[in-house]
Every structure is written in structure tokens, then in C-alpha cells.
Amino acid sequence: MGKGTIYKKDGKRLITQHYDNYLKSFDIDVEQIYIDTSYGKTHVLAAGPPEGKTVFVFQGGNCINPMTLSWFLPLTEKYRVYAPDTIGHPGYSSEGRISARDNSFALWIKELMDHFQIASSAFVGPSYGAGIIMRLAAFMPDKIDCSVLVSPAGISLGSKAKMIQKILFPLVLFHGTSSQRHLDKIADTMSDHSMKEMDKRIIGDVFKYIRLEQEMPKLTTREELSDYNAPTLVIAGTKDIFFPESSLNKATKEIIPNLTAFKSYEMGHFPSEGHLVKINQDIAEFLKMHY
């Protein structure tokens, strides 16, 4: 586990202010629960009918939980949704980072599930959150009834040269100048020109005030998933600079034993509002059939 704070200067106050404002924008009731785990205190958002089947939603990396949870709010109409703030990422959980290369995330998730007395569940994760689910699939596959991986980390990577050119260089320039132009370039690349202004402001403050998690979740192997048989839906973007459909399609089919469907849309890493409607329809149909 990493030590020390992930925040720079007045970052914690600014980022948690964004977090609270995002929660206030929801038109549903959200409970906030703290759970003590071996890896530190974990803050969990809970919403949806208490009697509903459970769905765990894991946030994207270097992002605030309510932002990526907002993508999947339709789940709360039918399911009891638990969305933990990932330890070591922006939010209200402890700041010591957990390795995404071993069984640490699986053990962390088990402690959260034990707290809620949940033996197994459905899981949904975008980006880094999907990579966390892959760690659970590798070490505790019996905990997963089914899973949905959206633009997932932990399976394959896009072109590093393109990431350097279109993300890293503008990020260095943004750090040096705080110019909106450079932030716009990054946001447009990440979202295929569809990122909401509120999200862009938050991403800008994350870049300014957070010591970013730079290590991606370990790329999962077929051998690691030899005992993982849960139905799995993967949704990818053809314009995703980090985990493009072109590389995910082949790798996913090679390593995931019970891949029930692979869907792709002409979208970036951040889905547009229109794509989110389609994605949530896909998820609803998948859960109805497999959960």
C-alpha cells in the first residue's frame, strides 16, 4: 500500500467539493457508508431499493466516484447499487494506494461484501473499475454472478505513442500553463468531443491537484481466468484512446471464458449522453437474462 496524501495544496477540499456537488445533482437518494477494511477506511455510496439484487459499481481511475456512477444511475431503479470510492483515488476513502497487480483488490472487495453480508453479486466497472473486477475474477471468481466491463482496463492497451501525443503532451502543457486550450484537447480526445463542461472542470482540477495513479491494472491472462465462468458483457469504444475496440475485441475473446457479448460503439473513453442510453439498455437486458 502506498503512503502519504494523493492531494496537492488545497486539492482535497476542492475535489471533495466537486464530489458533494455531483451527488446533489442526482435526483435519487444516496446513502454514504464508511467501512473499515484491512486496506483503510472505505467510503461507499449506496442507492436503489434495499430489497433489490445487489450490483457493485467501481469508479474509473483518477476520477470521482459520483461522476462514473452517474453513467449507471438507471440501475438504481431496480437494483441495490453499492459504489465504493476506490482507496488511493480521489474521494472520501483512505489515500494509501492498493496494488492492481496482485490479489489486494480481490481481498478488499471481499471485505466490503462481507460487511453487507453478500456472498456473490453482479459487478459493473468502467475503465480502471473494470480492471479491479478482473482482479476479483482472477482470485475470487465465485464472488461474481455476472459482470459488465465498459471500456475496460486490465485486458489490453491502446497505442502508447498515441497516448503520449494526445494525452501526455497536452497534460504537460496544461500543468505548465493551466491553459483551457490544452485541457480542451485532452477532454476532446478522451470523450470524442462530448465531455460535459462540469466533468471537464473536475478533470482539470484532478490534473492540477491530484498525484495521479499512473499504474494501470495488470493485464489479465487466460490462465488467471481459468476458474472464472460468470457471464460477462464487454462494451468498447472505437475511438477510445486508452482501450480501443480494435485491441480489446481480440484480447477479450481470448481470455474471458464465458464472454456472452462484445459490443462496440463509435465513442471515446468517456461515453456521450446518447451512448450512455444505449449502454444502459445493453446492461439492463444483460442483467435481466443472466442475473
Protein backbone atom coordinates (compact mmCIF):
# COMPACT_ATOMS: atom_id res chain seq x y z
CA MET A 1 0.00 0.00 0.00
CA GLY A 2 1.23 3.47 -0.87
CA LYS A 3 1.63 6.02 1.90
CA GLY A 4 1.05 9.76 2.13
CA THR A 5 -1.53 12.03 0.58
CA ILE A 6 -2.59 11.94 -3.05
CA TYR A 7 -3.60 15.62 -2.89
CA LYS A 8 -1.55 18.72 -3.68
CA LYS A 9 -2.10 22.11 -1.97
CA ASP A 10 -5.82 22.70 -1.35
CA GLY A 11 -6.79 19.76 -3.54
CA LYS A 12 -8.71 17.68 -1.05
CA ARG A 13 -11.17 20.49 -0.28
CA LEU A 14 -11.69 21.28 -3.97
CA ILE A 15 -12.11 17.68 -5.10
CA THR A 16 -14.49 16.73 -2.28
CA GLN A 17 -16.49 19.88 -3.06
CA HIS A 18 -16.86 18.63 -6.64
CA TYR A 19 -17.83 15.24 -5.22
CA ASP A 20 -20.55 16.68 -2.97
CA ASN A 21 -21.93 18.91 -5.74
CA TYR A 22 -22.13 15.93 -8.09
CA LEU A 23 -24.11 13.95 -5.52
CA LYS A 24 -26.51 16.88 -5.11
CA SER A 25 -27.18 16.79 -8.85
CA PHE A 26 -28.65 13.28 -8.59
CA ASP A 27 -32.43 13.00 -8.39
CA ILE A 28 -32.23 9.90 -6.19
CA ASP A 29 -31.45 9.33 -2.52
CA VAL A 30 -27.88 8.19 -1.92
CA GLU A 31 -26.61 6.80 1.39
CA GLN A 32 -22.98 7.32 2.39
CA ILE A 33 -21.43 4.48 4.39
CA TYR A 34 -17.93 4.11 5.85
CA ILE A 35 -16.42 0.63 6.19
CA ASP A 36 -13.15 -0.21 7.93
CA THR A 37 -11.05 -2.60 5.85
CA SER A 38 -7.53 -4.01 6.10
CA TYR A 39 -6.53 -1.53 3.41
CA GLY A 40 -8.05 1.51 5.10
CA LYS A 41 -11.39 3.22 5.54
CA THR A 42 -13.66 2.86 2.51
CA HIS A 43 -16.46 5.26 1.65
CA VAL A 44 -19.37 3.61 -0.18
CA LEU A 45 -22.30 5.21 -2.00
CA ALA A 46 -25.48 3.12 -1.76
CA ALA A 47 -28.70 3.66 -3.71
CA GLY A 48 -31.68 1.78 -5.03
CA PRO A 49 -34.25 -0.46 -3.32
CA PRO A 50 -32.73 -2.21 -0.27
CA GLU A 51 -34.55 -5.41 -1.23
CA GLY A 52 -33.18 -5.35 -4.79
CA LYS A 53 -30.46 -7.67 -6.04
CA THR A 54 -27.05 -6.10 -5.49
CA VAL A 55 -24.81 -4.58 -8.12
CA PHE A 56 -21.34 -3.27 -7.26
CA VAL A 57 -20.14 -0.39 -9.44
CA PHE A 58 -16.45 0.55 -9.39
CA GLN A 59 -15.31 4.02 -10.42
CA GLY A 60 -12.92 4.99 -13.19
CA GLY A 61 -9.34 5.75 -12.19
CA ASN A 62 -8.20 9.26 -11.24
CA CYS A 63 -11.83 10.29 -11.21
CA ILE A 64 -14.50 10.95 -8.59
CA ASN A 65 -16.94 8.16 -7.87
CA PRO A 66 -20.18 10.14 -8.49
CA MET A 67 -19.01 11.05 -11.99
CA THR A 68 -18.79 7.48 -13.24
CA LEU A 69 -21.67 6.30 -11.03
CA SER A 70 -23.84 8.90 -12.83
CA TRP A 71 -23.38 6.90 -16.02
CA PHE A 72 -25.17 3.90 -14.48
CA LEU A 73 -27.89 5.56 -12.37
CA PRO A 74 -30.69 3.72 -14.24
CA LEU A 75 -29.51 0.60 -12.37
CA THR A 76 -30.81 2.09 -9.11
CA GLU A 77 -34.42 1.81 -10.32
CA LYS A 78 -34.32 -1.97 -9.86
CA TYR A 79 -31.07 -2.93 -8.13
CA ARG A 80 -29.38 -2.13 -4.84
CA VAL A 81 -26.21 -0.43 -6.05
CA TYR A 82 -23.04 -0.18 -3.96
CA ALA A 83 -20.34 2.10 -5.37
CA PRO A 84 -17.14 2.26 -3.29
CA ASP A 85 -14.67 5.13 -3.57
CA THR A 86 -11.53 3.30 -4.67
CA ILE A 87 -8.86 3.55 -1.99
CA GLY A 88 -5.98 5.73 -3.19
CA HIS A 89 -8.13 7.59 -5.73
CA PRO A 90 -9.98 10.94 -5.40
CA GLY A 91 -12.86 10.78 -2.93
CA TYR A 92 -13.51 10.01 0.73
CA SER A 93 -11.75 6.65 1.10
CA SER A 94 -8.26 6.26 2.58
CA GLU A 95 -5.44 7.52 0.40
CA GLY A 96 -2.92 4.65 0.59
CA ARG A 97 -2.93 3.00 -2.81
CA ILE A 98 -3.69 -0.68 -3.38
CA SER A 99 -1.71 -2.70 -5.91
CA ALA A 100 -3.70 -3.59 -9.01
CA ARG A 101 -1.20 -6.31 -9.91
CA ASP A 102 -1.91 -8.90 -7.19
CA ASN A 103 -4.85 -10.16 -5.09
CA SER A 104 -5.17 -6.98 -2.97
CA PHE A 105 -8.25 -5.60 -4.71
CA ALA A 106 -9.96 -9.01 -4.51
CA LEU A 107 -9.37 -9.13 -0.75
CA TRP A 108 -10.62 -5.54 -0.38
CA ILE A 109 -13.82 -6.32 -2.29
CA LYS A 110 -14.41 -9.45 -0.20
CA GLU A 111 -14.25 -7.33 2.98
CA LEU A 112 -16.80 -4.91 1.54
CA MET A 113 -19.10 -7.78 0.55
CA ASP A 114 -18.72 -9.39 3.97
CA HIS A 115 -19.76 -6.10 5.59
CA PHE A 116 -23.02 -6.14 3.61
CA GLN A 117 -23.37 -9.93 4.07
CA ILE A 118 -23.28 -10.53 0.32
CA ALA A 119 -21.90 -13.87 -0.84
CA SER A 120 -21.88 -13.04 -4.56
CA SER A 121 -23.09 -10.20 -6.78
CA ALA A 122 -23.25 -8.63 -10.21
CA PHE A 123 -20.44 -6.17 -10.98
CA VAL A 124 -20.19 -3.20 -13.32
CA GLY A 125 -16.98 -1.29 -13.93
CA PRO A 126 -15.79 1.34 -16.41
CA SER A 127 -12.08 1.70 -17.20
CA TYR A 128 -9.93 1.18 -14.07
CA GLY A 129 -13.05 -0.11 -12.29
CA ALA A 130 -13.26 -2.94 -14.82
CA GLY A 131 -9.60 -3.70 -14.14
CA ILE A 132 -10.47 -4.07 -10.45
CA ILE A 133 -13.24 -6.54 -11.37
CA MET A 134 -10.71 -8.52 -13.40
CA ARG A 135 -8.54 -8.85 -10.27
CA LEU A 136 -11.56 -10.29 -8.43
CA ALA A 137 -12.27 -12.63 -11.36
CA ALA A 138 -8.68 -13.86 -11.21
CA PHE A 139 -8.54 -14.55 -7.46
CA MET A 140 -12.14 -14.98 -6.23
CA PRO A 141 -14.27 -15.83 -9.28
CA ASP A 142 -17.05 -17.32 -7.13
CA LYS A 143 -17.87 -13.81 -5.87
CA ILE A 144 -19.05 -12.75 -9.34
CA ASP A 145 -22.50 -13.76 -10.58
CA CYS A 146 -22.03 -11.77 -13.77
CA SER A 147 -20.07 -8.71 -14.86
CA VAL A 148 -20.23 -5.76 -17.24
CA LEU A 149 -16.92 -4.21 -18.30
CA VAL A 150 -17.13 -0.83 -20.05
CA SER A 151 -14.02 0.44 -21.88
CA PRO A 152 -12.12 -1.91 -19.57
CA ALA A 153 -8.60 -1.65 -18.22
CA GLY A 154 -6.83 -4.90 -17.40
CA ILE A 155 -7.33 -6.62 -20.76
CA SER A 156 -5.33 -4.79 -23.45
CA LEU A 157 -3.86 -1.35 -24.13
CA GLY A 158 -4.07 1.08 -27.00
CA SER A 159 -1.15 2.74 -28.74
CA LYS A 160 1.31 4.21 -26.23
CA ALA A 161 2.60 6.58 -28.94
CA LYS A 162 -0.91 8.00 -29.42
CA MET A 163 -1.42 8.33 -25.66
CA ILE A 164 1.84 10.27 -25.38
CA GLN A 165 0.95 12.53 -28.30
CA LYS A 166 -2.71 13.18 -27.49
CA ILE A 167 -2.82 12.91 -23.68
CA LEU A 168 0.62 13.21 -22.09
CA PHE A 169 1.99 16.15 -24.12
CA PRO A 170 -1.16 18.29 -23.67
CA LEU A 171 -1.16 17.31 -19.97
CA VAL A 172 2.42 18.54 -19.54
CA LEU A 173 1.47 21.79 -21.30
CA PHE A 174 -1.65 22.12 -19.14
CA HIS A 175 0.42 21.67 -15.98
CA GLY A 176 2.80 24.37 -17.18
CA THR A 177 0.24 26.90 -18.36
CA SER A 178 -3.22 25.96 -16.92
CA SER A 179 -4.46 26.86 -20.41
CA GLN A 180 -8.05 25.89 -21.16
CA ARG A 181 -6.97 25.06 -24.71
CA HIS A 182 -4.79 22.17 -23.56
CA LEU A 183 -7.48 20.86 -21.19
CA ASP A 184 -9.99 21.01 -24.05
CA LYS A 185 -7.65 18.91 -26.22
CA ILE A 186 -7.38 16.22 -23.55
CA ALA A 187 -11.13 16.21 -22.84
CA ASP A 188 -11.98 16.05 -26.55
CA THR A 189 -9.59 13.13 -27.04
CA MET A 190 -10.97 11.27 -24.03
CA SER A 191 -14.63 11.77 -24.95
CA ASP A 192 -14.66 12.19 -28.74
CA HIS A 193 -15.72 15.84 -28.24
CA SER A 194 -18.66 15.03 -25.96
CA MET A 195 -17.46 15.66 -22.38
CA LYS A 196 -19.81 17.73 -20.20
CA GLU A 197 -18.43 21.09 -19.04
CA MET A 198 -18.87 20.06 -15.39
CA ASP A 199 -16.83 16.90 -15.97
CA LYS A 200 -14.16 18.86 -17.82
CA ARG A 201 -13.75 21.24 -14.88
CA ILE A 202 -13.43 18.32 -12.48
CA ILE A 203 -10.90 16.54 -14.70
CA GLY A 204 -8.89 19.77 -14.87
CA ASP A 205 -8.80 20.05 -11.07
CA VAL A 206 -7.87 16.37 -10.77
CA PHE A 207 -4.93 17.01 -13.08
CA LYS A 208 -3.90 20.08 -11.05
CA TYR A 209 -4.40 18.84 -7.52
CA ILE A 210 -4.02 15.02 -7.53
CA ARG A 211 -0.89 12.90 -7.67
CA LEU A 212 -2.30 10.70 -10.40
CA GLU A 213 -2.32 6.93 -10.23
CA GLN A 214 -0.01 6.08 -13.13
CA GLU A 215 -0.05 2.29 -12.89
CA MET A 216 -2.76 0.57 -14.92
CA PRO A 217 -4.30 -2.66 -13.59
CA LYS A 218 -2.33 -5.74 -14.59
CA LEU A 219 -3.24 -7.18 -17.97
CA THR A 220 -5.21 -10.31 -17.14
CA THR A 221 -4.18 -13.64 -18.62
CA ARG A 222 -6.31 -16.54 -19.83
CA GLU A 223 -4.67 -18.73 -17.17
CA GLU A 224 -5.77 -16.36 -14.39
CA LEU A 225 -9.38 -16.68 -15.54
CA SER A 226 -9.39 -20.48 -15.85
CA ASP A 227 -11.92 -20.76 -12.99
CA TYR A 228 -13.94 -17.67 -13.95
CA ASN A 229 -17.19 -18.75 -15.59
CA ALA A 230 -19.56 -15.86 -14.87
CA PRO A 231 -21.46 -14.39 -17.84
CA THR A 232 -19.59 -11.29 -18.98
CA LEU A 233 -20.57 -8.37 -21.22
CA VAL A 234 -17.82 -6.14 -22.61
CA ILE A 235 -18.62 -2.74 -24.14
CA ALA A 236 -15.88 -0.89 -26.03
CA GLY A 237 -15.38 2.35 -27.94
CA THR A 238 -13.84 2.50 -31.40
CA LYS A 239 -12.43 5.95 -30.55
CA ASP A 240 -11.18 5.07 -27.04
CA ILE A 241 -7.54 6.15 -26.91
CA PHE A 242 -6.74 4.02 -23.85
CA PHE A 243 -8.54 0.73 -24.55
CA PRO A 244 -9.77 0.82 -28.16
CA GLU A 245 -12.21 -1.72 -29.57
CA SER A 246 -9.59 -2.76 -32.14
CA SER A 247 -7.31 -4.24 -29.46
CA LEU A 248 -9.97 -5.21 -26.90
CA ASN A 249 -12.04 -7.34 -29.26
CA LYS A 250 -9.40 -9.99 -29.92
CA ALA A 251 -7.91 -9.99 -26.40
CA THR A 252 -11.29 -10.24 -24.68
CA LYS A 253 -12.35 -13.24 -26.74
CA GLU A 254 -9.05 -14.94 -25.99
CA ILE A 255 -9.05 -14.57 -22.21
CA ILE A 256 -12.67 -14.44 -20.93
CA PRO A 257 -14.18 -17.96 -20.86
CA ASN A 258 -17.88 -17.01 -20.71
CA LEU A 259 -17.97 -13.85 -22.81
CA THR A 260 -21.67 -13.65 -23.64
CA ALA A 261 -21.44 -10.50 -25.75
CA PHE A 262 -18.94 -7.94 -27.02
CA LYS A 263 -20.48 -4.64 -28.09
CA SER A 264 -18.79 -1.61 -29.56
CA TYR A 265 -19.89 1.94 -30.20
CA GLU A 266 -18.32 4.83 -32.07
CA MET A 267 -17.38 6.57 -28.82
CA GLY A 268 -14.36 7.73 -26.84
CA HIS A 269 -13.26 6.61 -23.39
CA PHE A 270 -15.94 8.87 -21.85
CA PRO A 271 -19.30 7.91 -23.40
CA SER A 272 -21.60 10.63 -24.69
CA GLU A 273 -25.10 11.01 -23.23
CA GLY A 274 -26.52 9.24 -26.29
CA HIS A 275 -24.14 6.32 -25.94
CA LEU A 276 -24.95 6.03 -22.24
CA VAL A 277 -28.61 5.46 -23.11
CA LYS A 278 -27.61 2.55 -25.34
CA ILE A 279 -25.11 1.19 -22.81
CA ASN A 280 -27.69 1.18 -20.04
CA GLN A 281 -30.14 -0.62 -22.31
CA ASP A 282 -27.46 -3.23 -23.01
CA ILE A 283 -26.76 -3.63 -19.29
CA ALA A 284 -30.47 -3.90 -18.38
CA GLU A 285 -31.00 -6.65 -20.97
CA PHE A 286 -27.85 -8.48 -19.89
CA LEU A 287 -28.76 -8.43 -16.19
CA LYS A 288 -32.34 -9.50 -16.91
CA MET A 289 -31.02 -12.54 -18.77
CA HIS A 290 -28.07 -13.50 -16.57
CA TYR A 291 -28.91 -12.24 -13.06
